[in-house]
Every structure is written in structure tokens, then in C-alpha cells.
Protein backbone atom coordinates (compact mmCIF):
# COMPACT_ATOMS: atom_id res chain seq x y z
CA UNK A 1 76.33 151.90 75.15
CA UNK A 2 74.30 154.99 74.38
CA UNK A 3 72.39 156.48 77.32
CA UNK A 4 68.94 154.98 77.41
CA UNK A 5 67.37 157.87 79.33
CA UNK A 6 66.88 159.84 76.12
CA UNK A 7 65.22 156.88 74.41
CA UNK A 8 62.45 156.15 76.89
CA UNK A 9 59.97 158.77 75.71
CA UNK A 10 59.93 157.78 72.06
CA UNK A 11 60.17 154.07 72.85
CA UNK A 12 56.87 154.43 74.65
CA UNK A 13 55.11 156.44 71.99
CA UNK A 14 56.20 154.44 68.95
CA UNK A 15 53.43 151.89 69.32
CA UNK A 16 53.01 150.65 65.78
CA UNK A 17 55.07 149.84 62.71
CA UNK A 18 55.53 151.97 60.81
CA UNK A 19 54.49 154.64 63.26
CA UNK A 20 53.38 158.07 62.11
CA UNK A 21 51.82 159.36 65.30
CA UNK A 22 52.20 163.04 65.95
CA UNK A 23 54.86 163.85 68.51
CA UNK A 24 56.78 160.62 68.04
CA UNK A 25 59.94 162.24 66.71
CA UNK A 26 62.11 162.63 69.81
CA UNK A 27 65.43 161.47 68.35
CA UNK A 28 66.60 163.39 65.28
CA UNK A 29 63.17 162.88 63.72
CA UNK A 30 63.50 159.09 63.87
CA UNK A 31 60.96 156.63 65.27
CA UNK A 32 61.09 152.99 66.20
CA UNK A 33 58.20 150.52 66.46
CA UNK A 34 56.72 149.38 69.73
CA UNK A 35 56.35 145.59 69.74
CA UNK A 36 53.12 144.15 71.00
CA UNK A 37 53.27 140.58 72.30
CA UNK A 38 52.56 138.93 68.94
CA UNK A 39 54.18 141.48 66.62
CA UNK A 40 57.11 140.35 64.45
CA UNK A 41 60.39 142.21 64.46
CA UNK A 42 60.83 144.81 61.74
CA UNK A 43 63.54 144.12 59.13
CA UNK A 44 66.98 144.83 60.58
CA UNK A 45 67.85 147.27 57.80
CA UNK A 46 65.32 149.65 59.40
CA UNK A 47 67.43 149.95 62.56
CA UNK A 48 68.57 153.47 63.40
CA UNK A 49 72.01 154.70 62.44
CA UNK A 50 72.16 156.73 65.64
CA UNK A 51 72.10 155.18 68.16
CA UNK A 52 73.64 152.50 66.01
CA UNK A 53 71.35 149.52 65.61
CA UNK A 54 68.33 150.47 67.71
CA UNK A 55 65.50 148.58 66.04
CA UNK A 56 62.45 148.34 68.30
CA UNK A 57 61.15 148.62 71.85
CA UNK A 58 58.70 146.69 73.95
CA UNK A 59 57.68 143.06 73.97
CA UNK A 60 58.76 140.53 76.56
CA UNK A 61 61.83 138.36 77.05
CA UNK A 62 60.02 135.11 76.43
CA UNK A 63 61.82 132.02 75.20
CA UNK A 64 60.11 132.29 71.81
CA UNK A 65 60.83 136.01 71.43
CA UNK A 66 64.50 135.64 72.31
CA UNK A 67 65.04 132.73 69.92
CA UNK A 68 63.30 134.67 67.16
CA UNK A 69 65.53 137.65 67.87
CA UNK A 70 68.81 135.76 67.75
CA UNK A 71 67.86 133.87 64.61
CA UNK A 72 67.38 137.25 62.93
CA UNK A 73 70.51 138.96 64.22
CA UNK A 74 68.75 140.93 66.97
CA UNK A 75 69.50 141.10 70.70
CA UNK A 76 68.01 142.87 73.75
CA UNK A 77 70.01 145.57 75.55
CA UNK A 78 68.53 148.00 78.03
CA UNK A 79 68.81 149.29 81.58
CA UNK A 80 66.73 148.58 84.65
CA UNK A 81 63.52 150.60 84.63
CA UNK A 82 63.49 150.95 80.84
CA UNK A 83 61.39 149.06 78.29
CA UNK A 84 63.07 146.21 76.45
CA UNK A 85 65.13 147.66 73.60
CA UNK A 86 66.13 145.52 70.63
CA UNK A 87 69.31 146.10 68.62
CA UNK A 88 70.98 145.04 65.38
CA UNK A 89 74.08 147.23 64.88
CA UNK A 90 75.94 147.80 61.63
CA UNK A 91 78.75 146.81 61.40
CA UNK A 92 78.66 143.71 63.61
CA UNK A 93 81.57 142.46 65.72
CA UNK A 94 82.20 138.74 65.23
CA UNK A 95 84.88 136.22 66.13
CA UNK A 96 85.44 133.35 63.71
CA UNK A 97 86.50 130.44 65.97
CA UNK A 98 89.80 129.57 64.19
CA UNK A 99 90.79 133.26 64.33
CA UNK A 100 90.86 133.62 68.13
CA UNK A 101 94.07 135.44 69.05
CA UNK A 102 96.10 133.81 71.82
CA UNK A 103 98.88 135.93 73.28
CA UNK A 104 102.18 134.33 74.23
CA UNK A 105 101.36 134.61 77.93
CA UNK A 106 97.92 133.08 77.43
CA UNK A 107 99.42 130.16 75.51
CA UNK A 108 101.75 129.54 78.46
CA UNK A 109 98.80 129.62 80.84
CA UNK A 110 96.91 127.14 78.67
CA UNK A 111 99.89 124.78 78.81
CA UNK A 112 100.24 125.11 82.60
CA UNK A 113 96.65 123.99 83.16
CA UNK A 114 96.47 125.52 86.62
CA UNK A 115 92.74 125.99 86.15
CA UNK A 116 89.66 123.95 85.28
CA UNK A 117 87.12 124.67 82.54
CA UNK A 118 83.55 123.64 83.26
CA UNK A 119 80.50 124.14 81.10
CA UNK A 120 76.93 124.74 82.20
CA UNK A 121 77.66 123.90 85.84
CA UNK A 122 76.92 127.35 87.33
CA UNK A 123 75.04 129.31 84.68
CA UNK A 124 73.19 131.70 87.06
CA UNK A 125 76.43 132.45 88.93
CA UNK A 126 78.16 133.33 85.67
CA UNK A 127 75.36 135.77 84.83
CA UNK A 128 75.59 137.33 88.28
CA UNK A 129 79.34 137.61 87.87
CA UNK A 130 78.84 139.42 84.58
CA UNK A 131 76.25 141.68 86.22
CA UNK A 132 78.50 142.74 89.09
CA UNK A 133 79.52 146.44 89.07
CA UNK A 134 82.77 147.25 87.29
CA UNK A 135 85.08 150.15 87.85
CA UNK A 136 84.83 151.41 84.26
CA UNK A 137 81.05 151.19 84.01
CA UNK A 138 78.28 153.14 85.71
CA UNK A 139 75.84 150.25 86.04
CA UNK A 140 74.72 146.98 84.55
CA UNK A 141 72.37 146.07 81.73
CA UNK A 142 71.97 142.53 83.10
CA UNK A 143 68.77 143.14 85.04
CA UNK A 144 66.87 140.65 87.19
CA UNK A 145 64.49 140.26 84.25
CA UNK A 146 67.42 139.40 82.00
CA UNK A 147 68.77 136.83 84.45
CA UNK A 148 65.39 135.11 84.68
CA UNK A 149 64.95 135.09 80.90
CA UNK A 150 68.38 133.62 80.15
CA UNK A 151 68.13 131.04 82.93
CA UNK A 152 64.95 129.92 81.16
CA UNK A 153 66.92 129.74 77.89
CA UNK A 154 69.59 127.75 79.70
CA UNK A 155 67.10 125.27 81.13
CA UNK A 156 65.66 124.85 77.63
CA UNK A 157 69.16 123.97 76.38
CA UNK A 158 69.89 127.08 74.29
CA UNK A 159 71.98 129.24 76.64
CA UNK A 160 75.37 128.06 77.91
CA UNK A 161 78.09 129.11 80.29
CA UNK A 162 81.81 128.46 79.99
CA UNK A 163 83.44 128.73 83.39
CA UNK A 164 87.04 129.04 84.59
CA UNK A 165 87.56 127.53 88.03
CA UNK A 166 90.75 128.11 90.03
CA UNK A 167 91.37 126.46 93.38
CA UNK A 168 87.76 125.32 93.50
CA UNK A 169 86.30 128.79 92.96
CA UNK A 170 84.57 130.37 89.99
CA UNK A 171 87.20 132.81 88.75
CA UNK A 172 85.57 133.99 85.53
CA UNK A 173 83.72 132.95 82.45
CA UNK A 174 81.18 133.87 79.83
CA UNK A 175 77.69 133.01 78.68
CA UNK A 176 75.72 133.16 75.47
CA UNK A 177 73.10 131.57 73.26
CA UNK A 178 73.63 128.78 70.75
CA UNK A 179 71.41 128.19 67.72
CA UNK A 180 72.53 125.90 64.93
CA UNK A 181 76.21 126.60 64.33
CA UNK A 182 76.18 130.17 65.63
CA UNK A 183 77.07 131.21 69.17
CA UNK A 184 75.80 134.58 70.36
CA UNK A 185 78.10 135.83 73.10
CA UNK A 186 76.45 137.97 75.74
CA UNK A 187 78.96 138.87 78.44
CA UNK A 188 82.09 137.75 80.26
CA UNK A 189 83.75 138.50 83.58
CA UNK A 190 87.00 137.88 85.44
CA UNK A 191 87.87 137.71 89.11
CA UNK A 192 91.41 136.50 88.38
CA UNK A 193 93.94 137.26 85.63
CA UNK A 194 93.15 135.58 82.30
CA UNK A 195 90.01 133.86 83.63
CA UNK A 196 87.62 135.09 80.94
CA UNK A 197 90.25 134.73 78.21
CA UNK A 198 90.79 131.10 79.16
CA UNK A 199 87.06 130.48 78.89
CA UNK A 200 86.90 132.16 75.49
CA UNK A 201 89.92 130.25 74.20
CA UNK A 202 88.33 126.92 75.11
CA UNK A 203 84.98 127.99 73.67
CA UNK A 204 86.53 129.03 70.35
CA UNK A 205 88.57 125.84 70.04
CA UNK A 206 85.56 123.62 70.81
CA UNK A 207 83.28 125.52 68.45
CA UNK A 208 85.88 125.14 65.72
CA UNK A 209 85.73 121.38 66.21
CA UNK A 210 81.95 121.50 66.10
CA UNK A 211 82.18 123.50 62.83
CA UNK A 212 80.50 126.63 64.17
CA UNK A 213 80.78 129.53 61.76
CA UNK A 214 81.01 132.46 64.16
CA UNK A 215 80.77 133.86 67.66
CA UNK A 216 78.64 137.00 67.66
CA UNK A 217 80.28 139.70 69.80
CA UNK A 218 77.63 142.35 69.04
CA UNK A 219 79.44 145.68 69.52
CA UNK A 220 83.08 146.54 68.83
CA UNK A 221 85.51 146.98 71.72
CA UNK A 222 89.29 147.12 71.78
CA UNK A 223 89.32 144.14 74.16
CA UNK A 224 87.39 141.97 71.71
CA UNK A 225 89.59 143.14 68.85
CA UNK A 226 92.68 142.08 70.82
CA UNK A 227 91.19 138.58 71.02
CA UNK A 228 90.75 138.33 67.25
CA UNK A 229 87.23 139.67 66.75
CA UNK A 230 86.54 141.93 63.78
CA UNK A 231 83.72 143.98 62.36
CA UNK A 232 81.75 142.87 59.31
CA UNK A 233 78.84 144.56 57.53
CA UNK A 234 75.45 143.67 58.96
CA UNK A 235 74.37 142.34 55.57
CA UNK A 236 77.24 139.82 55.66
CA UNK A 237 76.35 138.86 59.23
CA UNK A 238 72.68 138.28 58.39
CA UNK A 239 73.64 136.31 55.29
CA UNK A 240 75.89 134.03 57.36
CA UNK A 241 73.21 133.61 60.03
CA UNK A 242 70.61 132.58 57.49
CA UNK A 243 72.66 129.44 56.88
CA UNK A 244 74.19 128.80 60.32
CA UNK A 245 70.99 128.90 62.38
CA UNK A 246 69.40 126.21 60.22
CA UNK A 247 71.82 123.49 61.31
CA UNK A 248 70.70 121.24 64.18
CA UNK A 249 71.17 122.93 67.55
CA UNK A 250 73.29 121.31 70.28
CA UNK A 251 70.75 121.64 73.07
CA UNK A 252 71.24 120.42 76.61
CA UNK A 253 74.30 120.69 78.81
CA UNK A 254 77.54 121.08 76.88
CA UNK A 255 80.67 119.05 77.47
CA UNK A 256 84.00 120.21 76.01
CA UNK A 257 86.70 117.83 74.79
CA UNK A 258 89.56 117.30 77.24
CA UNK A 259 92.31 117.59 74.61
CA UNK A 260 91.57 121.02 73.17
CA UNK A 261 95.04 122.33 73.94
CA UNK A 262 97.14 119.16 74.03
């Protein structure tokens, strides 16, 4: 993720949309709107090209604001001490459920069943696991404010966790937001080999049965690509969302089928 330190000054001064205030050109002459509490999101095609997808700043992580964001292909991503930053990158990384890539070793692990998949049993713990420091990252974007906001989404039935348990302990998993037939993946973690991959494999197989159209992976990474995710133009992503989010939403605690890999 781009360093957010350089974005703070113009995120604070871009208070209206479109903004033309003097001095609000701190990033290659570009400005982004500052969202007041009742302001709608700007169209996603107005997101910056650099940093890719930065659309707006400000606002709060309320239930209504977050649902509005996801329905429109927008997600929050920022660091502790920064204002809320809203993103809609182009291209967009997505995983179509039937296209999940299962390596030979992962298929063997799925057949061994030396693990247990649970859903929505420890949502806050999954978020905290995702927020834990990692060797290849300098910090976390999953702030206390983020945890509180997504726990609220979870209690409202929109956010879900898929958890891999091994020997009675939470070994890994993922969480995200579900609206209609779209799942918006947020983060995953592993404390044991294959733990997050097992969770993703079960999620993709179940969503395929439920006729979900896509899993939003947000930004491209080699790890996601190895699991079958691919980039598509933002216009294609928004077009797909416009249909998928209008299906009935499976709210409440999820329960996966027991025969997903029989």
C-alpha cells in the first residue's frame, strides 16, 4: 500500500467536491473530496491514478456508510492516526468462485480433513489475527476503529469469518463482507501451514453453490494470483456489482455444507 503520510495534508484540505481551494494540490496537482457525514461518494471513475484508486477522505465507518461503499465498489484503507481513506482501484483483483486454484498439496490436505472449518464463531479473533504484525509488513491497517466497525457489520449479519481450527485452536482464516451475491474479502491470516488457504477453498466452494458471482480481492498480489484471482477493469467490476448486490443478502450467521470436498 502507498505510504499514507504524504496523503494526510491534502486529505484534510480537500473538504468539498469538487474542491478548488487554493493550496489543495499536494499530490501531483490532484485533489480528492473530503466527505462530510451525509455526503455521497464521488463516482469511482474520479479516483486517482496515483496512488491507484484513492477516491475520498473523511467520513465515519458507520454501518450505513460501509454498506454504501461496498455496494459501489469502494472500501476503506488507512493507517492508525490518519483520516479514513476510501479506495476503488483500477484494475480490480477478483476471484470467481469456480476458478479457485487448489494445488496438489492443498487437495491432499482437504482430503485428509485434519482440520475443522467454522464460520462466524470467532469473528473478532479472526480480525485480531489479521491485524497481528507480520514479518514482511511495517504495521497494520486494521485499526481499533476498523475492528469496532466490522464487528458491528458482523452483528448486523453482513460481515463473516471463515475459520480454520486445528487441534481445538484457531489456526487461520479470513473475513469479509457479503452483500447480495458478492463477497468482499478483507484480510486473511495463518498461524499454521495452509490454514488460510483451507478457509479460502471452503469459502469459494460454498459461494459457488450459493451462486455468488465473485470474491473481491481489492489489490493484486502474487499470493492471490497463485490462488486463482485475476485482475479485471474497474468498469467490468462495477458492472458486475450492479447486478450482484441486488440479490437478497444472506444475513445472519453462516453455515457451510459438510460435503464441500467429498
